[in-house]
PDB file of N, CA and C in Angstrom:
ATOM      1  N   UNK A   1       0.853  -1.174   0.000  1.00  0.00           N
ATOM      2  CA  UNK A   1       0.000   0.000   0.000  1.00  0.00           C
ATOM      3  C   UNK A   1       0.905   1.246   0.000  1.00  0.00           C
ATOM      4  N   UNK A   2       0.849   2.070  -1.064  1.00  0.00           N
ATOM      5  CA  UNK A   2       1.712   3.260  -1.136  1.00  0.00           C
ATOM      6  C   UNK A   2       1.376   4.287  -0.058  1.00  0.00           C
ATOM      7  N   UNK A   3       2.390   5.035   0.316  1.00  0.00           N
ATOM      8  CA  UNK A   3       2.220   6.130   1.269  1.00  0.00           C
ATOM      9  C   UNK A   3       2.691   7.403   0.584  1.00  0.00           C
ATOM     10  N   UNK A   4       1.825   8.431   0.594  1.00  0.00           N
ATOM     11  CA  UNK A   4       2.153   9.721  -0.017  1.00  0.00           C
ATOM     12  C   UNK A   4       2.569  10.697   1.073  1.00  0.00           C
ATOM     13  N   UNK A   5       3.615  11.432   0.795  1.00  0.00           N
ATOM     14  CA  UNK A   5       4.070  12.475   1.702  1.00  0.00           C
ATOM     15  C   UNK A   5       3.816  13.812   1.014  1.00  0.00           C
ATOM     16  N   UNK A   6       3.184  14.723   1.742  1.00  0.00           N
ATOM     17  CA  UNK A   6       2.701  15.966   1.137  1.00  0.00           C
ATOM     18  C   UNK A   6       3.315  17.183   1.812  1.00  0.00           C
ATOM     19  N   UNK A   7       3.295  18.284   1.055  1.00  0.00           N
ATOM     20  CA  UNK A   7       3.743  19.575   1.581  1.00  0.00           C
ATOM     21  C   UNK A   7       2.611  20.214   2.368  1.00  0.00           C
ATOM     22  N   UNK A   8       2.954  20.815   3.465  1.00  0.00           N
ATOM     23  CA  UNK A   8       1.954  21.601   4.196  1.00  0.00           C
ATOM     24  C   UNK A   8       1.857  22.963   3.522  1.00  0.00           C
ATOM     25  N   UNK A   9       0.650  23.325   3.127  1.00  0.00           N
ATOM     26  CA  UNK A   9       0.449  24.588   2.414  1.00  0.00           C
ATOM     27  C   UNK A   9      -0.714  25.401   2.967  1.00  0.00           C
ATOM     28  N   UNK A  10      -1.300  24.967   4.059  1.00  0.00           N
ATOM     29  CA  UNK A  10      -2.411  25.697   4.650  1.00  0.00           C
ATOM     30  C   UNK A  10      -3.763  25.338   4.069  1.00  0.00           C
ATOM     31  N   UNK A  11      -3.786  24.607   2.956  1.00  0.00           N
ATOM     32  CA  UNK A  11      -5.056  24.187   2.359  1.00  0.00           C
ATOM     33  C   UNK A  11      -5.444  22.829   2.925  1.00  0.00           C
ATOM     34  N   UNK A  12      -6.718  22.632   3.148  1.00  0.00           N
ATOM     35  CA  UNK A  12      -7.155  21.357   3.706  1.00  0.00           C
ATOM     36  C   UNK A  12      -7.548  20.358   2.622  1.00  0.00           C
ATOM     37  N   UNK A  13      -7.860  20.859   1.410  1.00  0.00           N
ATOM     38  CA  UNK A  13      -8.361  19.966   0.372  1.00  0.00           C
ATOM     39  C   UNK A  13      -7.425  19.804  -0.820  1.00  0.00           C
ATOM     40  N   UNK A  14      -6.207  20.345  -0.729  1.00  0.00           N
ATOM     41  CA  UNK A  14      -5.259  20.227  -1.846  1.00  0.00           C
ATOM     42  C   UNK A  14      -3.837  20.271  -1.303  1.00  0.00           C
ATOM     43  N   UNK A  15      -3.163  19.129  -1.397  1.00  0.00           N
ATOM     44  CA  UNK A  15      -1.772  19.038  -0.949  1.00  0.00           C
ATOM     45  C   UNK A  15      -0.925  18.511  -2.096  1.00  0.00           C
ATOM     46  N   UNK A  16       0.244  19.120  -2.278  1.00  0.00           N
ATOM     47  CA  UNK A  16       1.179  18.665  -3.309  1.00  0.00           C
ATOM     48  C   UNK A  16       1.959  17.482  -2.761  1.00  0.00           C
ATOM     49  N   UNK A  17       2.001  16.417  -3.539  1.00  0.00           N
ATOM     50  CA  UNK A  17       2.751  15.222  -3.152  1.00  0.00           C
ATOM     51  C   UNK A  17       4.210  15.433  -3.551  1.00  0.00           C
ATOM     52  N   UNK A  18       5.115  15.313  -2.579  1.00  0.00           N
ATOM     53  CA  UNK A  18       6.529  15.480  -2.904  1.00  0.00           C
ATOM     54  C   UNK A  18       7.295  14.159  -2.855  1.00  0.00           C
ATOM     55  N   UNK A  19       6.661  13.114  -2.325  1.00  0.00           N
ATOM     56  CA  UNK A  19       7.328  11.812  -2.252  1.00  0.00           C
ATOM     57  C   UNK A  19       6.282  10.713  -2.165  1.00  0.00           C
ATOM     58  N   UNK A  20       6.562   9.623  -2.858  1.00  0.00           N
ATOM     59  CA  UNK A  20       5.699   8.444  -2.802  1.00  0.00           C
ATOM     60  C   UNK A  20       6.564   7.266  -2.371  1.00  0.00           C
ATOM     61  N   UNK A  21       6.156   6.598  -1.314  1.00  0.00           N
ATOM     62  CA  UNK A  21       6.854   5.395  -0.856  1.00  0.00           C
ATOM     63  C   UNK A  21       6.015   4.189  -1.238  1.00  0.00           C
ATOM     64  N   UNK A  22       6.505   3.424  -2.221  1.00  0.00           N
ATOM     65  CA  UNK A  22       5.798   2.213  -2.627  1.00  0.00           C
ATOM     66  C   UNK A  22       6.206   1.042  -1.741  1.00  0.00           C
ATOM     67  N   UNK A  23       7.414   1.100  -1.239  1.00  0.00           N
ATOM     68  CA  UNK A  23       7.900   0.075  -0.315  1.00  0.00           C
ATOM     69  C   UNK A  23       8.039   0.738   1.050  1.00  0.00           C
ATOM     70  N   UNK A  24       7.274   0.246   2.010  1.00  0.00           N
ATOM     71  CA  UNK A  24       7.262   0.881   3.331  1.00  0.00           C
ATOM     72  C   UNK A  24       7.951   0.033   4.396  1.00  0.00           C
ATOM     73  N   UNK A  25       8.447  -1.120   3.989  1.00  0.00           N
ATOM     74  CA  UNK A  25       9.157  -1.966   4.947  1.00  0.00           C
ATOM     75  C   UNK A  25      10.385  -1.217   5.452  1.00  0.00           C
ATOM     76  N   UNK A  26      10.604  -1.270   6.740  1.00  0.00           N
ATOM     77  CA  UNK A  26      11.753  -0.595   7.330  1.00  0.00           C
ATOM     78  C   UNK A  26      11.498   0.856   7.701  1.00  0.00           C
ATOM     79  N   UNK A  27      10.341   1.397   7.309  1.00  0.00           N
ATOM     80  CA  UNK A  27      10.021   2.771   7.684  1.00  0.00           C
ATOM     81  C   UNK A  27       9.482   2.767   9.109  1.00  0.00           C
ATOM     82  N   UNK A  28       9.812   3.801   9.853  1.00  0.00           N
ATOM     83  CA  UNK A  28       9.348   3.889  11.235  1.00  0.00           C
ATOM     84  C   UNK A  28       7.846   4.198  11.271  1.00  0.00           C
ATOM     85  N   UNK A  29       7.228   3.878  12.379  1.00  0.00           N
ATOM     86  CA  UNK A  29       5.810   4.192  12.557  1.00  0.00           C
ATOM     87  C   UNK A  29       5.587   5.693  12.463  1.00  0.00           C
ATOM     88  N   UNK A  30       6.549   6.457  12.955  1.00  0.00           N
ATOM     89  CA  UNK A  30       6.450   7.923  12.904  1.00  0.00           C
ATOM     90  C   UNK A  30       6.439   8.404  11.455  1.00  0.00           C
ATOM     91  N   UNK A  31       7.341   7.842  10.621  1.00  0.00           N
ATOM     92  CA  UNK A  31       7.367   8.211   9.203  1.00  0.00           C
ATOM     93  C   UNK A  31       6.057   7.847   8.524  1.00  0.00           C
ATOM     94  N   UNK A  32       5.598   6.642   8.779  1.00  0.00           N
ATOM     95  CA  UNK A  32       4.342   6.196   8.162  1.00  0.00           C
ATOM     96  C   UNK A  32       3.161   7.048   8.594  1.00  0.00           C
ATOM     97  N   UNK A  33       3.153   7.464   9.853  1.00  0.00           N
ATOM     98  CA  UNK A  33       2.052   8.282  10.370  1.00  0.00           C
ATOM     99  C   UNK A  33       2.035   9.666   9.736  1.00  0.00           C
ATOM    100  N   UNK A  34       3.190  10.142   9.260  1.00  0.00           N
ATOM    101  CA  UNK A  34       3.242  11.476   8.654  1.00  0.00           C
ATOM    102  C   UNK A  34       2.791  11.466   7.196  1.00  0.00           C
ATOM    103  N   UNK A  35       2.550  10.271   6.643  1.00  0.00           N
ATOM    104  CA  UNK A  35       2.106  10.159   5.261  1.00  0.00           C
ATOM    105  C   UNK A  35       0.637   9.819   5.164  1.00  0.00           C
ATOM    106  N   UNK A  36       0.174   9.709   3.932  1.00  0.00           N
ATOM    107  CA  UNK A  36      -1.212   9.354   3.649  1.00  0.00           C
ATOM    108  C   UNK A  36      -1.203   8.027   2.900  1.00  0.00           C
ATOM    109  N   UNK A  37      -1.785   6.997   3.504  1.00  0.00           N
ATOM    110  CA  UNK A  37      -1.863   5.687   2.848  1.00  0.00           C
ATOM    111  C   UNK A  37      -2.978   5.706   1.804  1.00  0.00           C
ATOM    112  N   UNK A  38      -2.656   5.173   0.631  1.00  0.00           N
ATOM    113  CA  UNK A  38      -3.645   5.073  -0.448  1.00  0.00           C
ATOM    114  C   UNK A  38      -3.588   3.667  -1.032  1.00  0.00           C
ATOM    115  N   UNK A  39      -4.662   3.260  -1.692  1.00  0.00           N
ATOM    116  CA  UNK A  39      -4.705   1.927  -2.300  1.00  0.00           C
ATOM    117  C   UNK A  39      -3.794   1.838  -3.522  1.00  0.00           C
ATOM    118  N   UNK A  40      -3.769   2.917  -4.319  1.00  0.00           N
ATOM    119  CA  UNK A  40      -2.948   2.948  -5.526  1.00  0.00           C
ATOM    120  C   UNK A  40      -2.705   4.398  -5.911  1.00  0.00           C
ATOM    121  N   UNK A  41      -1.783   4.587  -6.833  1.00  0.00           N
ATOM    122  CA  UNK A  41      -1.461   5.928  -7.318  1.00  0.00           C
ATOM    123  C   UNK A  41      -1.750   5.949  -8.819  1.00  0.00           C
ATOM    124  N   UNK A  42      -2.543   6.924  -9.285  1.00  0.00           N
ATOM    125  CA  UNK A  42      -2.863   6.970 -10.716  1.00  0.00           C
ATOM    126  C   UNK A  42      -1.620   7.306 -11.542  1.00  0.00           C
ATOM    127  N   UNK A  43      -1.617   6.848 -12.766  1.00  0.00           N
ATOM    128  CA  UNK A  43      -0.528   7.168 -13.689  1.00  0.00           C
ATOM    129  C   UNK A  43      -0.824   8.519 -14.342  1.00  0.00           C
ATOM    130  N   UNK A  44       0.202   9.329 -14.566  1.00  0.00           N
ATOM    131  CA  UNK A  44      -0.023  10.602 -15.268  1.00  0.00           C
ATOM    132  C   UNK A  44      -0.263  10.348 -16.753  1.00  0.00           C
ATOM    133  N   UNK A  45      -0.891  11.313 -17.408  1.00  0.00           N
ATOM    134  CA  UNK A  45      -1.092  11.222 -18.853  1.00  0.00           C
ATOM    135  C   UNK A  45       0.273  11.320 -19.529  1.00  0.00           C
ATOM    136  N   UNK A  46       0.405  10.659 -20.642  1.00  0.00           N
ATOM    137  CA  UNK A  46       1.645  10.733 -21.423  1.00  0.00           C
ATOM    138  C   UNK A  46       1.435  11.797 -22.496  1.00  0.00           C
ATOM    139  N   UNK A  47       1.601  13.061 -22.111  1.00  0.00           N
ATOM    140  CA  UNK A  47       1.317  14.162 -23.022  1.00  0.00           C
ATOM    141  C   UNK A  47       2.520  15.077 -23.245  1.00  0.00           C
ATOM    142  N   UNK A  48       3.689  14.680 -22.768  1.00  0.00           N
ATOM    143  CA  UNK A  48       4.896  15.480 -22.973  1.00  0.00           C
ATOM    144  C   UNK A  48       4.998  16.696 -22.076  1.00  0.00           C
ATOM    145  N   UNK A  49       4.098  16.823 -21.139  1.00  0.00           N
ATOM    146  CA  UNK A  49       4.112  17.978 -20.240  1.00  0.00           C
ATOM    147  C   UNK A  49       4.680  17.569 -18.884  1.00  0.00           C
ATOM    148  N   UNK A  50       5.111  18.560 -18.113  1.00  0.00           N
ATOM    149  CA  UNK A  50       5.524  18.313 -16.739  1.00  0.00           C
ATOM    150  C   UNK A  50       4.264  18.085 -15.915  1.00  0.00           C
ATOM    151  N   UNK A  51       4.366  17.240 -14.900  1.00  0.00           N
ATOM    152  CA  UNK A  51       3.187  16.953 -14.093  1.00  0.00           C
ATOM    153  C   UNK A  51       3.539  16.936 -12.618  1.00  0.00           C
ATOM    154  N   UNK A  52       2.526  17.207 -11.806  1.00  0.00           N
ATOM    155  CA  UNK A  52       2.668  17.201 -10.354  1.00  0.00           C
ATOM    156  C   UNK A  52       1.425  16.564  -9.772  1.00  0.00           C
ATOM    157  N   UNK A  53       1.635  15.588  -8.880  1.00  0.00           N
ATOM    158  CA  UNK A  53       0.522  14.891  -8.245  1.00  0.00           C
ATOM    159  C   UNK A  53       0.030  15.682  -7.033  1.00  0.00           C
ATOM    160  N   UNK A  54      -1.283  15.772  -6.911  1.00  0.00           N
ATOM    161  CA  UNK A  54      -1.936  16.407  -5.763  1.00  0.00           C
ATOM    162  C   UNK A  54      -2.923  15.423  -5.167  1.00  0.00           C
ATOM    163  N   UNK A  55      -3.243  15.639  -3.894  1.00  0.00           N
ATOM    164  CA  UNK A  55      -4.227  14.800  -3.214  1.00  0.00           C
ATOM    165  C   UNK A  55      -5.085  15.663  -2.301  1.00  0.00           C
ATOM    166  N   UNK A  56      -6.349  15.285  -2.209  1.00  0.00           N
ATOM    167  CA  UNK A  56      -7.234  15.859  -1.213  1.00  0.00           C
ATOM    168  C   UNK A  56      -7.174  14.893  -0.027  1.00  0.00           C
ATOM    169  N   UNK A  57      -6.504  15.270   1.071  1.00  0.00           N
ATOM    170  CA  UNK A  57      -6.348  14.342   2.198  1.00  0.00           C
ATOM    171  C   UNK A  57      -7.672  13.925   2.850  1.00  0.00           C
ATOM    172  N   UNK A  58      -8.714  14.737   2.669  1.00  0.00           N
ATOM    173  CA  UNK A  58      -9.995  14.425   3.297  1.00  0.00           C
ATOM    174  C   UNK A  58     -10.671  13.218   2.660  1.00  0.00           C
ATOM    175  N   UNK A  59     -10.592  13.106   1.320  1.00  0.00           N
ATOM    176  CA  UNK A  59     -11.259  11.986   0.644  1.00  0.00           C
ATOM    177  C   UNK A  59     -10.293  11.128  -0.178  1.00  0.00           C
ATOM    178  N   UNK A  60      -9.005  11.467  -0.136  1.00  0.00           N
ATOM    179  CA  UNK A  60      -7.930  10.748  -0.844  1.00  0.00           C
ATOM    180  C   UNK A  60      -8.068  10.787  -2.369  1.00  0.00           C
ATOM    181  N   UNK A  61      -8.831  11.755  -2.878  1.00  0.00           N
ATOM    182  CA  UNK A  61      -8.911  11.947  -4.325  1.00  0.00           C
ATOM    183  C   UNK A  61      -7.569  12.479  -4.804  1.00  0.00           C
ATOM    184  N   UNK A  62      -7.033  11.908  -5.893  1.00  0.00           N
ATOM    185  CA  UNK A  62      -5.745  12.336  -6.441  1.00  0.00           C
ATOM    186  C   UNK A  62      -5.913  12.811  -7.874  1.00  0.00           C
ATOM    187  N   UNK A  63      -5.084  13.764  -8.272  1.00  0.00           N
ATOM    188  CA  UNK A  63      -5.104  14.264  -9.640  1.00  0.00           C
ATOM    189  C   UNK A  63      -3.734  14.859  -9.960  1.00  0.00           C
ATOM    190  N   UNK A  64      -3.490  14.996 -11.241  1.00  0.00           N
ATOM    191  CA  UNK A  64      -2.257  15.609 -11.712  1.00  0.00           C
ATOM    192  C   UNK A  64      -2.574  16.979 -12.284  1.00  0.00           C
ATOM    193  N   UNK A  65      -1.676  17.898 -12.065  1.00  0.00           N
ATOM    194  CA  UNK A  65      -1.736  19.195 -12.728  1.00  0.00           C
ATOM    195  C   UNK A  65      -0.540  19.247 -13.671  1.00  0.00           C
ATOM    196  N   UNK A  66      -0.786  19.766 -14.876  1.00  0.00           N
ATOM    197  CA  UNK A  66       0.205  19.738 -15.945  1.00  0.00           C
ATOM    198  C   UNK A  66       0.623  21.149 -16.334  1.00  0.00           C
ATOM    199  N   UNK A  67       1.861  21.249 -16.813  1.00  0.00           N
ATOM    200  CA  UNK A  67       2.341  22.524 -17.346  1.00  0.00           C
ATOM    201  C   UNK A  67       3.315  22.245 -18.474  1.00  0.00           C
ATOM    202  N   UNK A  68       3.433  23.209 -19.356  1.00  0.00           N
ATOM    203  CA  UNK A  68       4.340  23.078 -20.491  1.00  0.00           C
ATOM    204  C   UNK A  68       5.781  22.926 -20.006  1.00  0.00           C
ATOM    205  N   UNK A  69       6.541  22.148 -20.735  1.00  0.00           N
ATOM    206  CA  UNK A  69       7.965  22.002 -20.438  1.00  0.00           C
ATOM    207  C   UNK A  69       8.647  23.302 -20.862  1.00  0.00           C
ATOM    208  N   UNK A  70       9.405  23.932 -19.966  1.00  0.00           N
ATOM    209  CA  UNK A  70      10.088  25.172 -20.353  1.00  0.00           C
ATOM    210  C   UNK A  70      11.037  24.916 -21.523  1.00  0.00           C
ATOM    211  N   UNK A  71      11.127  25.889 -22.402  1.00  0.00           N
ATOM    212  CA  UNK A  71      12.016  25.759 -23.555  1.00  0.00           C
ATOM    213  C   UNK A  71      13.465  25.872 -23.097  1.00  0.00           C
ATOM    214  N   UNK A  72      14.308  25.131 -23.782  1.00  0.00           N
ATOM    215  CA  UNK A  72      15.741  25.219 -23.490  1.00  0.00           C
ATOM    216  C   UNK A  72      16.292  26.508 -24.079  1.00  0.00           C
ATOM    217  N   UNK A  73      17.452  26.890 -23.613  1.00  0.00           N
ATOM    218  CA  UNK A  73      18.085  28.106 -24.135  1.00  0.00           C
ATOM    219  C   UNK A  73      18.314  27.961 -25.633  1.00  0.00           C
ATOM    220  N   UNK A  74      18.676  26.762 -26.084  1.00  0.00           N
ATOM    221  CA  UNK A  74      18.910  26.527 -27.510  1.00  0.00           C
ATOM    222  C   UNK A  74      17.623  26.712 -28.306  1.00  0.00           C
ATOM    223  N   UNK A  75      16.502  26.199 -27.793  1.00  0.00           N
ATOM    224  CA  UNK A  75      15.226  26.351 -28.495  1.00  0.00           C
ATOM    225  C   UNK A  75      14.842  27.831 -28.595  1.00  0.00           C
ATOM    226  N   UNK A  76      15.059  28.576 -27.516  1.00  0.00           N
ATOM    227  CA  UNK A  76      14.748  30.008 -27.519  1.00  0.00           C
ATOM    228  C   UNK A  76      15.602  30.734 -28.548  1.00  0.00           C
ATOM    229  N   UNK A  77      16.899  30.417 -28.577  1.00  0.00           N
ATOM    230  CA  UNK A  77      17.802  31.059 -29.542  1.00  0.00           C
ATOM    231  C   UNK A  77      17.421  30.714 -30.982  1.00  0.00           C
ATOM    232  N   UNK A  78      17.030  29.467 -31.234  1.00  0.00           N
ATOM    233  CA  UNK A  78      16.612  29.074 -32.587  1.00  0.00           C
ATOM    234  C   UNK A  78      15.379  29.858 -33.014  1.00  0.00           C
ATOM    235  N   UNK A  79      14.406  29.998 -32.098  1.00  0.00           N
ATOM    236  CA  UNK A  79      13.190  30.747 -32.423  1.00  0.00           C
ATOM    237  C   UNK A  79      13.508  32.215 -32.700  1.00  0.00           C
ATOM    238  N   UNK A  80      14.396  32.796 -31.883  1.00  0.00           N
ATOM    239  CA  UNK A  80      14.787  34.187 -32.111  1.00  0.00           C
ATOM    240  C   UNK A  80      15.499  34.334 -33.439  1.00  0.00           C
ATOM    241  N   UNK A  81      16.350  33.372 -33.770  1.00  0.00           N
ATOM    242  CA  UNK A  81      17.082  33.404 -35.031  1.00  0.00           C
ATOM    243  C   UNK A  81      16.118  33.334 -36.213  1.00  0.00           C
ATOM    244  N   UNK A  82      15.127  32.437 -36.142  1.00  0.00           N
ATOM    245  CA  UNK A  82      14.136  32.325 -37.209  1.00  0.00           C
ATOM    246  C   UNK A  82      13.335  33.612 -37.352  1.00  0.00           C
ATOM    247  N   UNK A  83      12.988  34.227 -36.225  1.00  0.00           N
ATOM    248  CA  UNK A  83      12.237  35.487 -36.266  1.00  0.00           C
ATOM    249  C   UNK A  83      13.069  36.594 -36.904  1.00  0.00           C
ATOM    250  N   UNK A  84      14.351  36.635 -36.573  1.00  0.00           N
ATOM    251  CA  UNK A  84      15.240  37.637 -37.173  1.00  0.00           C
ATOM    252  C   UNK A  84      15.390  37.411 -38.677  1.00  0.00           C
ATOM    253  N   UNK A  85      15.522  36.163 -39.103  1.00  0.00           N
ATOM    254  CA  UNK A  85      15.626  35.849 -40.526  1.00  0.00           C
ATOM    255  C   UNK A  85      14.369  36.296 -41.269  1.00  0.00           C
ATOM    256  N   UNK A  86      13.202  36.021 -40.676  1.00  0.00           N
ATOM    257  CA  UNK A  86      11.944  36.410 -41.309  1.00  0.00           C
ATOM    258  C   UNK A  86      11.832  37.928 -41.388  1.00  0.00           C
ATOM    259  N   UNK A  87      12.209  38.604 -40.315  1.00  0.00           N
ATOM    260  CA  UNK A  87      12.171  40.066 -40.303  1.00  0.00           C
ATOM    261  C   UNK A  87      13.088  40.639 -41.376  1.00  0.00           C
ATOM    262  N   UNK A  88      14.277  40.071 -41.498  1.00  0.00           N
ATOM    263  CA  UNK A  88      15.225  40.548 -42.510  1.00  0.00           C
ATOM    264  C   UNK A  88      14.679  40.295 -43.909  1.00  0.00           C
ATOM    265  N   UNK A  89      14.065  39.137 -44.143  1.00  0.00           N
ATOM    266  CA  UNK A  89      13.484  38.822 -45.448  1.00  0.00           C
ATOM    267  C   UNK A  89      12.344  39.783 -45.764  1.00  0.00           C
ATOM    268  N   UNK A  90      11.526  40.108 -44.769  1.00  0.00           N
ATOM    269  CA  UNK A  90      10.431  41.061 -44.972  1.00  0.00           C
ATOM    270  C   UNK A  90      10.973  42.442 -45.325  1.00  0.00           C
ATOM    271  N   UNK A  91      12.022  42.868 -44.621  1.00  0.00           N
ATOM    272  CA  UNK A  91      12.625  44.171 -44.904  1.00  0.00           C
ATOM    273  C   UNK A  91      13.244  44.194 -46.300  1.00  0.00           C
ATOM    274  N   UNK A  92      13.905  43.109 -46.689  1.00  0.00           N
ATOM    275  CA  UNK A  92      14.491  43.018 -48.034  1.00  0.00           C
ATOM    276  C   UNK A  92      13.413  43.118 -49.097  1.00  0.00           C
ATOM    277  N   UNK A  93      12.280  42.451 -48.867  1.00  0.00           N
ATOM    278  CA  UNK A  93      11.186  42.495 -49.837  1.00  0.00           C
ATOM    279  C   UNK A  93      10.621  43.912 -49.946  1.00  0.00           C
ATOM    280  N   UNK A  94      10.429  44.589 -48.809  1.00  0.00           N
ATOM    281  CA  UNK A  94       9.926  45.964 -48.838  1.00  0.00           C
ATOM    282  C   UNK A  94      10.893  46.894 -49.553  1.00  0.00           C
ATOM    283  N   UNK A  95      12.178  46.715 -49.297  1.00  0.00           N
ATOM    284  CA  UNK A  95      13.198  47.538 -49.957  1.00  0.00           C
ATOM    285  C   UNK A  95      13.171  47.309 -51.454  1.00  0.00           C
ATOM    286  N   UNK A  96      13.021  46.047 -51.864  1.00  0.00           N
ATOM    287  CA  UNK A  96      12.974  45.736 -53.299  1.00  0.00           C
ATOM    288  C   UNK A  96      11.746  46.373 -53.939  1.00  0.00           C
ATOM    289  N   UNK A  97      10.596  46.314 -53.271  1.00  0.00           N
ATOM    290  CA  UNK A  97       9.376  46.924 -53.786  1.00  0.00           C
ATOM    291  C   UNK A  97       9.545  48.433 -53.908  1.00  0.00           C
ATOM    292  N   UNK A  98      10.183  49.047 -52.912  1.00  0.00           N
ATOM    293  CA  UNK A  98      10.417  50.497 -52.929  1.00  0.00           C
ATOM    294  C   UNK A  98      11.328  50.883 -54.089  1.00  0.00           C
ATOM    295  N   UNK A  99      12.378  50.113 -54.279  1.00  0.00           N
ATOM    296  CA  UNK A  99      13.319  50.396 -55.364  1.00  0.00           C
ATOM    297  C   UNK A  99      12.645  50.249 -56.707  1.00  0.00           C
ATOM    298  N   UNK A 100      11.800  49.222 -56.877  1.00  0.00           N
ATOM    299  CA  UNK A 100      11.090  49.020 -58.143  1.00  0.00           C
ATOM    300  C   UNK A 100      10.089  50.137 -58.392  1.00  0.00           C
ATOM    301  N   UNK A 101       9.407  50.593 -57.333  1.00  0.00           N
ATOM    302  CA  UNK A 101       8.424  51.652 -57.514  1.00  0.00           C
ATOM    303  C   UNK A 101       9.104  52.977 -57.840  1.00  0.00           C
ATOM    304  N   UNK A 102      10.270  53.213 -57.280  1.00  0.00           N
ATOM    305  CA  UNK A 102      11.006  54.464 -57.575  1.00  0.00           C
ATOM    306  C   UNK A 102      11.586  54.413 -58.980  1.00  0.00           C
ATOM    307  N   UNK A 103      12.032  53.267 -59.411  1.00  0.00           N
ATOM    308  CA  UNK A 103      12.620  53.116 -60.743  1.00  0.00           C
ATOM    309  C   UNK A 103      11.560  53.124 -61.823  1.00  0.00           C
ATOM    310  N   UNK A 104      10.345  52.755 -61.489  1.00  0.00           N
ATOM    311  CA  UNK A 104       9.271  52.680 -62.463  1.00  0.00           C
ATOM    312  C   UNK A 104       8.661  54.040 -62.759  1.00  0.00           C
ATOM    313  N   UNK A 105       8.915  55.056 -61.937  1.00  0.00           N
ATOM    314  CA  UNK A 105       8.309  56.389 -62.148  1.00  0.00           C
ATOM    315  C   UNK A 105       9.142  57.224 -63.043  1.00  0.00           C
TER     316      UNK A 105
END
């Protein structure tokens, strides 16, 4: 029977799980008493996002909250580089249009 260990946050119906003990053999009674025993732990969705398990200690309802994976510095630089390339291409096109319109008059 898994034991969930939660952060104290002042809320009575939502606690963030920071540790799950699936094997409780060798744990002291004091350690076990500080956790929440549950029958099972749900699996998170496989959606490529970061996830955090929460529990309502009153009814032992569990759920995951998801958030986007932060972009790496390399991904940010690549996106900025692509944006700069597009901006430069747009400026080149405008300059070419201006030159053609001036030459056509």
